[in-house]
Amino acid sequence: MLQSFSANRVLRPVAIALALGATLVFAGSAGAVVCKATATVAFARAASQAGALSDSKSAWRAAVISRYGVAWSIWKAAAGQSQVCSRPSDWICYASARPCRGSLP
């Protein structure tokens, strides 16, 4: 007798792996892209918004390099990129993304 397909059988292991901080693998035509399950967040402060945006990406890259290595530190390859800024006195910008490595999509 054939077993009926259950989405829970497939989704439960994925949810557990993500909760444990596993890496995700996406197969593409040009090769596999592997992304960390959690985002890295960094911030920077500068007199101009453009400066704070640029510096926050640099801070994100430095944090990723120290945590995972250079191969993971390319902002354009990262998943879920986000930058948010505010100006209480100087500009403060936060950069957040999940580090990825492999072929760019």
PDB file of N, CA and C in Angstrom:
ATOM      1  N   MET A   1       0.846  -1.180   0.000  1.00  0.00           N
ATOM      2  CA  MET A   1       0.000   0.000   0.000  1.00  0.00           C
ATOM      3  C   MET A   1       0.890   1.241   0.000  1.00  0.00           C
ATOM      4  N   LEU A   2       0.544   2.225  -0.784  1.00  0.00           N
ATOM      5  CA  LEU A   2       1.318   3.463  -0.875  1.00  0.00           C
ATOM      6  C   LEU A   2       0.989   4.373   0.298  1.00  0.00           C
ATOM      7  N   GLN A   3       2.039   5.021   0.809  1.00  0.00           N
ATOM      8  CA  GLN A   3       1.819   6.002   1.872  1.00  0.00           C
ATOM      9  C   GLN A   3       1.390   7.318   1.248  1.00  0.00           C
ATOM     10  N   SER A   4       0.527   8.032   1.928  1.00  0.00           N
ATOM     11  CA  SER A   4       0.144   9.342   1.430  1.00  0.00           C
ATOM     12  C   SER A   4       1.251  10.344   1.762  1.00  0.00           C
ATOM     13  N   PHE A   5       1.436  11.298   0.888  1.00  0.00           N
ATOM     14  CA  PHE A   5       2.454  12.325   1.071  1.00  0.00           C
ATOM     15  C   PHE A   5       2.028  13.268   2.184  1.00  0.00           C
ATOM     16  N   SER A   6       2.943  13.565   3.065  1.00  0.00           N
ATOM     17  CA  SER A   6       2.667  14.506   4.144  1.00  0.00           C
ATOM     18  C   SER A   6       3.674  15.635   4.083  1.00  0.00           C
ATOM     19  N   ALA A   7       3.200  16.866   3.960  1.00  0.00           N
ATOM     20  CA  ALA A   7       4.090  18.025   3.916  1.00  0.00           C
ATOM     21  C   ALA A   7       4.904  18.122   5.194  1.00  0.00           C
ATOM     22  N   ASN A   8       4.347  17.687   6.312  1.00  0.00           N
ATOM     23  CA  ASN A   8       5.067  17.757   7.585  1.00  0.00           C
ATOM     24  C   ASN A   8       6.326  16.911   7.573  1.00  0.00           C
ATOM     25  N   ARG A   9       6.315  15.809   6.845  1.00  0.00           N
ATOM     26  CA  ARG A   9       7.504  14.960   6.760  1.00  0.00           C
ATOM     27  C   ARG A   9       8.654  15.672   6.083  1.00  0.00           C
ATOM     28  N   VAL A  10       8.348  16.566   5.182  1.00  0.00           N
ATOM     29  CA  VAL A  10       9.373  17.324   4.485  1.00  0.00           C
ATOM     30  C   VAL A  10       9.717  18.597   5.241  1.00  0.00           C
ATOM     31  N   LEU A  11       8.715  19.302   5.709  1.00  0.00           N
ATOM     32  CA  LEU A  11       8.938  20.611   6.318  1.00  0.00           C
ATOM     33  C   LEU A  11       9.514  20.534   7.725  1.00  0.00           C
ATOM     34  N   ARG A  12       9.173  19.535   8.488  1.00  0.00           N
ATOM     35  CA  ARG A  12       9.650  19.438   9.869  1.00  0.00           C
ATOM     36  C   ARG A  12      11.180  19.392   9.940  1.00  0.00           C
ATOM     37  N   PRO A  13      11.876  18.550   9.158  1.00  0.00           N
ATOM     38  CA  PRO A  13      13.344  18.547   9.219  1.00  0.00           C
ATOM     39  C   PRO A  13      13.954  19.885   8.786  1.00  0.00           C
ATOM     40  N   VAL A  14      13.323  20.549   7.820  1.00  0.00           N
ATOM     41  CA  VAL A  14      13.822  21.857   7.380  1.00  0.00           C
ATOM     42  C   VAL A  14      13.686  22.870   8.505  1.00  0.00           C
ATOM     43  N   ALA A  15      12.554  22.892   9.186  1.00  0.00           N
ATOM     44  CA  ALA A  15      12.344  23.825  10.293  1.00  0.00           C
ATOM     45  C   ALA A  15      13.332  23.563  11.423  1.00  0.00           C
ATOM     46  N   ILE A  16      13.579  22.298  11.712  1.00  0.00           N
ATOM     47  CA  ILE A  16      14.538  21.955  12.767  1.00  0.00           C
ATOM     48  C   ILE A  16      15.939  22.398  12.382  1.00  0.00           C
ATOM     49  N   ALA A  17      16.327  22.158  11.136  1.00  0.00           N
ATOM     50  CA  ALA A  17      17.662  22.561  10.672  1.00  0.00           C
ATOM     51  C   ALA A  17      17.832  24.071  10.752  1.00  0.00           C
ATOM     52  N   LEU A  18      16.808  24.824  10.355  1.00  0.00           N
ATOM     53  CA  LEU A  18      16.890  26.285  10.423  1.00  0.00           C
ATOM     54  C   LEU A  18      16.976  26.760  11.867  1.00  0.00           C
ATOM     55  N   ALA A  19      16.218  26.134  12.742  1.00  0.00           N
ATOM     56  CA  ALA A  19      16.245  26.520  14.146  1.00  0.00           C
ATOM     57  C   ALA A  19      17.617  26.266  14.765  1.00  0.00           C
ATOM     58  N   LEU A  20      18.311  25.273  14.273  1.00  0.00           N
ATOM     59  CA  LEU A  20      19.640  24.960  14.792  1.00  0.00           C
ATOM     60  C   LEU A  20      20.747  25.774  14.129  1.00  0.00           C
ATOM     61  N   GLY A  21      20.390  26.672  13.221  1.00  0.00           N
ATOM     62  CA  GLY A  21      21.387  27.536  12.588  1.00  0.00           C
ATOM     63  C   GLY A  21      22.120  26.867  11.449  1.00  0.00           C
ATOM     64  N   ALA A  22      21.503  25.920  10.805  1.00  0.00           N
ATOM     65  CA  ALA A  22      22.131  25.232   9.684  1.00  0.00           C
ATOM     66  C   ALA A  22      22.233  26.171   8.485  1.00  0.00           C
ATOM     67  N   THR A  23      23.085  25.814   7.559  1.00  0.00           N
ATOM     68  CA  THR A  23      23.194  26.593   6.335  1.00  0.00           C
ATOM     69  C   THR A  23      22.172  26.085   5.328  1.00  0.00           C
ATOM     70  N   LEU A  24      21.741  26.958   4.462  1.00  0.00           N
ATOM     71  CA  LEU A  24      20.802  26.592   3.414  1.00  0.00           C
ATOM     72  C   LEU A  24      21.574  26.439   2.109  1.00  0.00           C
ATOM     73  N   VAL A  25      21.184  25.497   1.282  1.00  0.00           N
ATOM     74  CA  VAL A  25      21.826  25.284  -0.008  1.00  0.00           C
ATOM     75  C   VAL A  25      20.767  25.465  -1.080  1.00  0.00           C
ATOM     76  N   PHE A  26      21.052  26.323  -2.050  1.00  0.00           N
ATOM     77  CA  PHE A  26      20.166  26.553  -3.164  1.00  0.00           C
ATOM     78  C   PHE A  26      20.883  26.098  -4.427  1.00  0.00           C
ATOM     79  N   ALA A  27      20.317  25.146  -5.127  1.00  0.00           N
ATOM     80  CA  ALA A  27      20.936  24.665  -6.358  1.00  0.00           C
ATOM     81  C   ALA A  27      20.479  25.553  -7.506  1.00  0.00           C
ATOM     82  N   GLY A  28      21.415  25.996  -8.280  1.00  0.00           N
ATOM     83  CA  GLY A  28      21.114  26.814  -9.432  1.00  0.00           C
ATOM     84  C   GLY A  28      21.792  26.244 -10.648  1.00  0.00           C
ATOM     85  N   SER A  29      21.489  26.801 -11.804  1.00  0.00           N
ATOM     86  CA  SER A  29      22.081  26.287 -13.030  1.00  0.00           C
ATOM     87  C   SER A  29      23.584  26.512 -13.059  1.00  0.00           C
ATOM     88  N   ALA A  30      24.069  27.569 -12.399  1.00  0.00           N
ATOM     89  CA  ALA A  30      25.498  27.870 -12.410  1.00  0.00           C
ATOM     90  C   ALA A  30      26.231  27.226 -11.238  1.00  0.00           C
ATOM     91  N   GLY A  31      25.535  26.516 -10.376  1.00  0.00           N
ATOM     92  CA  GLY A  31      26.167  25.894  -9.220  1.00  0.00           C
ATOM     93  C   GLY A  31      25.356  26.151  -7.970  1.00  0.00           C
ATOM     94  N   ALA A  32      25.882  25.725  -6.854  1.00  0.00           N
ATOM     95  CA  ALA A  32      25.165  25.844  -5.591  1.00  0.00           C
ATOM     96  C   ALA A  32      25.551  27.131  -4.865  1.00  0.00           C
ATOM     97  N   VAL A  33      24.555  27.789  -4.294  1.00  0.00           N
ATOM     98  CA  VAL A  33      24.775  28.939  -3.433  1.00  0.00           C
ATOM     99  C   VAL A  33      24.390  28.493  -2.029  1.00  0.00           C
ATOM    100  N   VAL A  34      25.279  28.705  -1.085  1.00  0.00           N
ATOM    101  CA  VAL A  34      25.042  28.309   0.295  1.00  0.00           C
ATOM    102  C   VAL A  34      24.911  29.579   1.130  1.00  0.00           C
ATOM    103  N   CYS A  35      23.833  29.672   1.921  1.00  0.00           N
ATOM    104  CA  CYS A  35      23.593  30.854   2.750  1.00  0.00           C
ATOM    105  C   CYS A  35      23.462  30.449   4.212  1.00  0.00           C
ATOM    106  N   LYS A  36      23.954  31.291   5.083  1.00  0.00           N
ATOM    107  CA  LYS A  36      23.762  31.078   6.513  1.00  0.00           C
ATOM    108  C   LYS A  36      22.281  31.285   6.837  1.00  0.00           C
ATOM    109  N   ALA A  37      21.795  30.594   7.842  1.00  0.00           N
ATOM    110  CA  ALA A  37      20.385  30.661   8.205  1.00  0.00           C
ATOM    111  C   ALA A  37      20.038  31.944   8.953  1.00  0.00           C
ATOM    112  N   THR A  38      21.025  32.550   9.616  1.00  0.00           N
ATOM    113  CA  THR A  38      20.758  33.765  10.387  1.00  0.00           C
ATOM    114  C   THR A  38      21.499  34.957   9.783  1.00  0.00           C
ATOM    115  N   ALA A  39      20.917  36.112   9.963  1.00  0.00           N
ATOM    116  CA  ALA A  39      21.505  37.335   9.433  1.00  0.00           C
ATOM    117  C   ALA A  39      22.618  37.847  10.342  1.00  0.00           C
ATOM    118  N   THR A  40      23.563  38.522   9.728  1.00  0.00           N
ATOM    119  CA  THR A  40      24.579  39.263  10.457  1.00  0.00           C
ATOM    120  C   THR A  40      24.172  40.728  10.389  1.00  0.00           C
ATOM    121  N   VAL A  41      24.226  41.419  11.509  1.00  0.00           N
ATOM    122  CA  VAL A  41      23.822  42.822  11.575  1.00  0.00           C
ATOM    123  C   VAL A  41      25.007  43.649  12.057  1.00  0.00           C
ATOM    124  N   ALA A  42      25.231  44.773  11.396  1.00  0.00           N
ATOM    125  CA  ALA A  42      26.300  45.700  11.795  1.00  0.00           C
ATOM    126  C   ALA A  42      25.784  47.120  11.595  1.00  0.00           C
ATOM    127  N   PHE A  43      26.424  48.080  12.260  1.00  0.00           N
ATOM    128  CA  PHE A  43      25.996  49.469  12.097  1.00  0.00           C
ATOM    129  C   PHE A  43      27.198  50.386  11.989  1.00  0.00           C
ATOM    130  N   ALA A  44      26.926  51.595  11.503  1.00  0.00           N
ATOM    131  CA  ALA A  44      27.962  52.621  11.415  1.00  0.00           C
ATOM    132  C   ALA A  44      27.318  53.985  11.607  1.00  0.00           C
ATOM    133  N   ARG A  45      28.111  54.916  12.079  1.00  0.00           N
ATOM    134  CA  ARG A  45      27.666  56.289  12.314  1.00  0.00           C
ATOM    135  C   ARG A  45      28.545  57.215  11.472  1.00  0.00           C
ATOM    136  N   ALA A  46      27.928  58.204  10.821  1.00  0.00           N
ATOM    137  CA  ALA A  46      28.677  59.159  10.008  1.00  0.00           C
ATOM    138  C   ALA A  46      27.890  60.466   9.918  1.00  0.00           C
ATOM    139  N   ALA A  47      28.567  61.512   9.458  1.00  0.00           N
ATOM    140  CA  ALA A  47      27.932  62.823   9.333  1.00  0.00           C
ATOM    141  C   ALA A  47      26.903  62.854   8.209  1.00  0.00           C
ATOM    142  N   SER A  48      27.129  62.045   7.154  1.00  0.00           N
ATOM    143  CA  SER A  48      26.185  62.008   6.036  1.00  0.00           C
ATOM    144  C   SER A  48      25.528  60.634   5.947  1.00  0.00           C
ATOM    145  N   GLN A  49      24.342  60.609   5.362  1.00  0.00           N
ATOM    146  CA  GLN A  49      23.660  59.340   5.200  1.00  0.00           C
ATOM    147  C   GLN A  49      24.429  58.426   4.248  1.00  0.00           C
ATOM    148  N   ALA A  50      24.957  58.984   3.178  1.00  0.00           N
ATOM    149  CA  ALA A  50      25.732  58.179   2.225  1.00  0.00           C
ATOM    150  C   ALA A  50      26.946  57.547   2.900  1.00  0.00           C
ATOM    151  N   GLY A  51      27.601  58.307   3.743  1.00  0.00           N
ATOM    152  CA  GLY A  51      28.757  57.778   4.469  1.00  0.00           C
ATOM    153  C   GLY A  51      28.366  56.672   5.428  1.00  0.00           C
ATOM    154  N   ALA A  52      27.265  56.852   6.136  1.00  0.00           N
ATOM    155  CA  ALA A  52      26.812  55.835   7.088  1.00  0.00           C
ATOM    156  C   ALA A  52      26.354  54.566   6.364  1.00  0.00           C
ATOM    157  N   LEU A  53      25.705  54.724   5.204  1.00  0.00           N
ATOM    158  CA  LEU A  53      25.305  53.554   4.417  1.00  0.00           C
ATOM    159  C   LEU A  53      26.527  52.755   3.970  1.00  0.00           C
ATOM    160  N   SER A  54      27.496  53.456   3.424  1.00  0.00           N
ATOM    161  CA  SER A  54      28.722  52.795   2.961  1.00  0.00           C
ATOM    162  C   SER A  54      29.476  52.144   4.119  1.00  0.00           C
ATOM    163  N   ASP A  55      29.595  52.880   5.207  1.00  0.00           N
ATOM    164  CA  ASP A  55      30.329  52.358   6.369  1.00  0.00           C
ATOM    165  C   ASP A  55      29.611  51.170   7.020  1.00  0.00           C
ATOM    166  N   SER A  56      28.270  51.155   6.979  1.00  0.00           N
ATOM    167  CA  SER A  56      27.551  50.030   7.573  1.00  0.00           C
ATOM    168  C   SER A  56      27.774  48.757   6.759  1.00  0.00           C
ATOM    169  N   LYS A  57      27.869  48.883   5.424  1.00  0.00           N
ATOM    170  CA  LYS A  57      28.203  47.712   4.605  1.00  0.00           C
ATOM    171  C   LYS A  57      29.613  47.225   4.917  1.00  0.00           C
ATOM    172  N   SER A  58      30.531  48.154   5.104  1.00  0.00           N
ATOM    173  CA  SER A  58      31.905  47.779   5.462  1.00  0.00           C
ATOM    174  C   SER A  58      31.949  47.098   6.821  1.00  0.00           C
ATOM    175  N   ALA A  59      31.160  47.593   7.758  1.00  0.00           N
ATOM    176  CA  ALA A  59      31.098  46.980   9.093  1.00  0.00           C
ATOM    177  C   ALA A  59      30.477  45.591   9.011  1.00  0.00           C
ATOM    178  N   TRP A  60      29.457  45.434   8.166  1.00  0.00           N
ATOM    179  CA  TRP A  60      28.844  44.119   7.959  1.00  0.00           C
ATOM    180  C   TRP A  60      29.884  43.148   7.397  1.00  0.00           C
ATOM    181  N   ARG A  61      30.610  43.600   6.390  1.00  0.00           N
ATOM    182  CA  ARG A  61      31.639  42.753   5.767  1.00  0.00           C
ATOM    183  C   ARG A  61      32.689  42.340   6.796  1.00  0.00           C
ATOM    184  N   ALA A  62      33.155  43.268   7.612  1.00  0.00           N
ATOM    185  CA  ALA A  62      34.160  42.954   8.632  1.00  0.00           C
ATOM    186  C   ALA A  62      33.616  41.942   9.648  1.00  0.00           C
ATOM    187  N   ALA A  63      32.364  42.105  10.049  1.00  0.00           N
ATOM    188  CA  ALA A  63      31.757  41.167  11.003  1.00  0.00           C
ATOM    189  C   ALA A  63      31.644  39.770  10.396  1.00  0.00           C
ATOM    190  N   VAL A  64      31.266  39.704   9.125  1.00  0.00           N
ATOM    191  CA  VAL A  64      31.134  38.408   8.448  1.00  0.00           C
ATOM    192  C   VAL A  64      32.500  37.747   8.288  1.00  0.00           C
ATOM    193  N   ILE A  65      33.506  38.516   7.910  1.00  0.00           N
ATOM    194  CA  ILE A  65      34.853  37.960   7.762  1.00  0.00           C
ATOM    195  C   ILE A  65      35.344  37.381   9.077  1.00  0.00           C
ATOM    196  N   SER A  66      35.135  38.108  10.169  1.00  0.00           N
ATOM    197  CA  SER A  66      35.621  37.621  11.463  1.00  0.00           C
ATOM    198  C   SER A  66      34.859  36.379  11.923  1.00  0.00           C
ATOM    199  N   ARG A  67      33.600  36.260  11.532  1.00  0.00           N
ATOM    200  CA  ARG A  67      32.777  35.134  11.969  1.00  0.00           C
ATOM    201  C   ARG A  67      32.883  33.917  11.044  1.00  0.00           C
ATOM    202  N   TYR A  68      32.877  34.164   9.710  1.00  0.00           N
ATOM    203  CA  TYR A  68      32.777  33.056   8.754  1.00  0.00           C
ATOM    204  C   TYR A  68      33.921  32.987   7.731  1.00  0.00           C
ATOM    205  N   GLY A  69      34.653  34.068   7.545  1.00  0.00           N
ATOM    206  CA  GLY A  69      35.726  34.083   6.552  1.00  0.00           C
ATOM    207  C   GLY A  69      35.370  34.929   5.335  1.00  0.00           C
ATOM    208  N   VAL A  70      36.369  35.225   4.531  1.00  0.00           N
ATOM    209  CA  VAL A  70      36.234  36.128   3.383  1.00  0.00           C
ATOM    210  C   VAL A  70      35.232  35.622   2.350  1.00  0.00           C
ATOM    211  N   ALA A  71      35.168  34.315   2.132  1.00  0.00           N
ATOM    212  CA  ALA A  71      34.288  33.754   1.106  1.00  0.00           C
ATOM    213  C   ALA A  71      32.815  34.104   1.330  1.00  0.00           C
ATOM    214  N   TRP A  72      32.441  34.407   2.549  1.00  0.00           N
ATOM    215  CA  TRP A  72      31.044  34.711   2.894  1.00  0.00           C
ATOM    216  C   TRP A  72      30.739  36.204   2.875  1.00  0.00           C
ATOM    217  N   SER A  73      31.716  37.058   2.624  1.00  0.00           N
ATOM    218  CA  SER A  73      31.593  38.487   2.906  1.00  0.00           C
ATOM    219  C   SER A  73      31.177  39.380   1.737  1.00  0.00           C
ATOM    220  N   ILE A  74      30.691  38.830   0.646  1.00  0.00           N
ATOM    221  CA  ILE A  74      30.291  39.653  -0.504  1.00  0.00           C
ATOM    222  C   ILE A  74      28.838  40.099  -0.335  1.00  0.00           C
ATOM    223  N   TRP A  75      28.641  41.397  -0.171  1.00  0.00           N
ATOM    224  CA  TRP A  75      27.306  41.955   0.081  1.00  0.00           C
ATOM    225  C   TRP A  75      26.338  41.604  -1.041  1.00  0.00           C
ATOM    226  N   LYS A  76      26.765  41.691  -2.301  1.00  0.00           N
ATOM    227  CA  LYS A  76      25.873  41.415  -3.434  1.00  0.00           C
ATOM    228  C   LYS A  76      25.403  39.962  -3.455  1.00  0.00           C
ATOM    229  N   ALA A  77      26.164  39.062  -2.863  1.00  0.00           N
ATOM    230  CA  ALA A  77      25.788  37.648  -2.829  1.00  0.00           C
ATOM    231  C   ALA A  77      24.916  37.314  -1.621  1.00  0.00           C
ATOM    232  N   ALA A  78      24.808  38.219  -0.666  1.00  0.00           N
ATOM    233  CA  ALA A  78      24.062  37.968   0.574  1.00  0.00           C
ATOM    234  C   ALA A  78      22.556  37.932   0.319  1.00  0.00           C
ATOM    235  N   ALA A  79      21.851  37.185   1.140  1.00  0.00           N
ATOM    236  CA  ALA A  79      20.391  37.067   1.019  1.00  0.00           C
ATOM    237  C   ALA A  79      19.708  37.979   2.041  1.00  0.00           C
ATOM    238  N   GLY A  80      18.576  38.524   1.643  1.00  0.00           N
ATOM    239  CA  GLY A  80      17.783  39.338   2.566  1.00  0.00           C
ATOM    240  C   GLY A  80      18.448  40.639   2.971  1.00  0.00           C
ATOM    241  N   GLN A  81      19.127  41.265   2.038  1.00  0.00           N
ATOM    242  CA  GLN A  81      19.841  42.507   2.344  1.00  0.00           C
ATOM    243  C   GLN A  81      18.880  43.606   2.788  1.00  0.00           C
ATOM    244  N   SER A  82      19.297  44.315   3.823  1.00  0.00           N
ATOM    245  CA  SER A  82      18.488  45.418   4.332  1.00  0.00           C
ATOM    246  C   SER A  82      19.406  46.465   4.951  1.00  0.00           C
ATOM    247  N   GLN A  83      19.113  47.722   4.662  1.00  0.00           N
ATOM    248  CA  GLN A  83      19.806  48.828   5.326  1.00  0.00           C
ATOM    249  C   GLN A  83      18.764  49.816   5.807  1.00  0.00           C
ATOM    250  N   VAL A  84      18.879  50.178   7.075  1.00  0.00           N
ATOM    251  CA  VAL A  84      17.935  51.101   7.696  1.00  0.00           C
ATOM    252  C   VAL A  84      18.748  52.198   8.377  1.00  0.00           C
ATOM    253  N   CYS A  85      18.316  53.441   8.181  1.00  0.00           N
ATOM    254  CA  CYS A  85      19.043  54.575   8.743  1.00  0.00           C
ATOM    255  C   CYS A  85      18.131  55.458   9.591  1.00  0.00           C
ATOM    256  N   SER A  86      18.742  56.138  10.536  1.00  0.00           N
ATOM    257  CA  SER A  86      18.041  57.154  11.319  1.00  0.00           C
ATOM    258  C   SER A  86      19.036  58.268  11.609  1.00  0.00           C
ATOM    259  N   ARG A  87      18.517  59.407  12.064  1.00  0.00           N
ATOM    260  CA  ARG A  87      19.377  60.560  12.302  1.00  0.00           C
ATOM    261  C   ARG A  87      19.033  61.228  13.626  1.00  0.00           C
ATOM    262  N   PRO A  88      19.467  60.635  14.749  1.00  0.00           N
ATOM    263  CA  PRO A  88      19.251  61.298  16.021  1.00  0.00           C
ATOM    264  C   PRO A  88      20.146  62.541  16.160  1.00  0.00           C
ATOM    265  N   SER A  89      21.378  62.462  15.723  1.00  0.00           N
ATOM    266  CA  SER A  89      22.300  63.608  15.616  1.00  0.00           C
ATOM    267  C   SER A  89      23.116  63.384  14.356  1.00  0.00           C
ATOM    268  N   ASP A  90      24.043  62.431  14.393  1.00  0.00           N
ATOM    269  CA  ASP A  90      24.702  61.964  13.173  1.00  0.00           C
ATOM    270  C   ASP A  90      23.827  60.873  12.565  1.00  0.00           C
ATOM    271  N   TRP A  91      24.115  60.502  11.316  1.00  0.00           N
ATOM    272  CA  TRP A  91      23.400  59.400  10.685  1.00  0.00           C
ATOM    273  C   TRP A  91      23.900  58.077  11.252  1.00  0.00           C
ATOM    274  N   ILE A  92      22.982  57.178  11.563  1.00  0.00           N
ATOM    275  CA  ILE A  92      23.306  55.822  11.990  1.00  0.00           C
ATOM    276  C   ILE A  92      22.569  54.879  11.042  1.00  0.00           C
ATOM    277  N   CYS A  93      23.332  53.977  10.402  1.00  0.00           N
ATOM    278  CA  CYS A  93      22.728  53.009   9.492  1.00  0.00           C
ATOM    279  C   CYS A  93      23.090  51.597   9.929  1.00  0.00           C
ATOM    280  N   TYR A  94      22.111  50.725   9.830  1.00  0.00           N
ATOM    281  CA  TYR A  94      22.282  49.309  10.133  1.00  0.00           C
ATOM    282  C   TYR A  94      22.224  48.521   8.832  1.00  0.00           C
ATOM    283  N   ALA A  95      23.165  47.612   8.637  1.00  0.00           N
ATOM    284  CA  ALA A  95      23.162  46.704   7.492  1.00  0.00           C
ATOM    285  C   ALA A  95      22.903  45.304   8.024  1.00  0.00           C
ATOM    286  N   SER A  96      21.984  44.605   7.400  1.00  0.00           N
ATOM    287  CA  SER A  96      21.624  43.256   7.822  1.00  0.00           C
ATOM    288  C   SER A  96      21.461  42.384   6.586  1.00  0.00           C
ATOM    289  N   ALA A  97      22.033  41.182   6.630  1.00  0.00           N
ATOM    290  CA  ALA A  97      21.881  40.220   5.537  1.00  0.00           C
ATOM    291  C   ALA A  97      22.399  38.869   5.989  1.00  0.00           C
ATOM    292  N   ARG A  98      21.912  37.824   5.314  1.00  0.00           N
ATOM    293  CA  ARG A  98      22.421  36.474   5.555  1.00  0.00           C
ATOM    294  C   ARG A  98      23.594  36.235   4.617  1.00  0.00           C
ATOM    295  N   PRO A  99      24.782  35.990   5.142  1.00  0.00           N
ATOM    296  CA  PRO A  99      25.953  35.749   4.302  1.00  0.00           C
ATOM    297  C   PRO A  99      25.764  34.508   3.428  1.00  0.00           C
ATOM    298  N   CYS A 100      26.197  34.610   2.165  1.00  0.00           N
ATOM    299  CA  CYS A 100      26.131  33.500   1.227  1.00  0.00           C
ATOM    300  C   CYS A 100      27.479  33.364   0.515  1.00  0.00           C
ATOM    301  N   ARG A 101      27.726  32.169   0.005  1.00  0.00           N
ATOM    302  CA  ARG A 101      28.912  31.965  -0.820  1.00  0.00           C
ATOM    303  C   ARG A 101      28.535  31.043  -1.953  1.00  0.00           C
ATOM    304  N   GLY A 102      29.318  31.081  -2.998  1.00  0.00           N
ATOM    305  CA  GLY A 102      29.054  30.280  -4.186  1.00  0.00           C
ATOM    306  C   GLY A 102      28.829  31.191  -5.359  1.00  0.00           C
ATOM    307  N   SER A 103      28.234  30.668  -6.410  1.00  0.00           N
ATOM    308  CA  SER A 103      27.978  31.457  -7.618  1.00  0.00           C
ATOM    309  C   SER A 103      26.897  32.480  -7.363  1.00  0.00           C
ATOM    310  N   LEU A 104      27.098  33.675  -7.881  1.00  0.00           N
ATOM    311  CA  LEU A 104      26.071  34.716  -7.749  1.00  0.00           C
ATOM    312  C   LEU A 104      24.871  34.326  -8.589  1.00  0.00           C
ATOM    313  N   PRO A 105      23.664  34.609  -8.085  1.00  0.00           N
ATOM    314  CA  PRO A 105      22.451  34.246  -8.840  1.00  0.00           C
ATOM    315  C   PRO A 105      22.321  35.034 -10.127  1.00  0.00           C
TER     316      PRO A 105
END
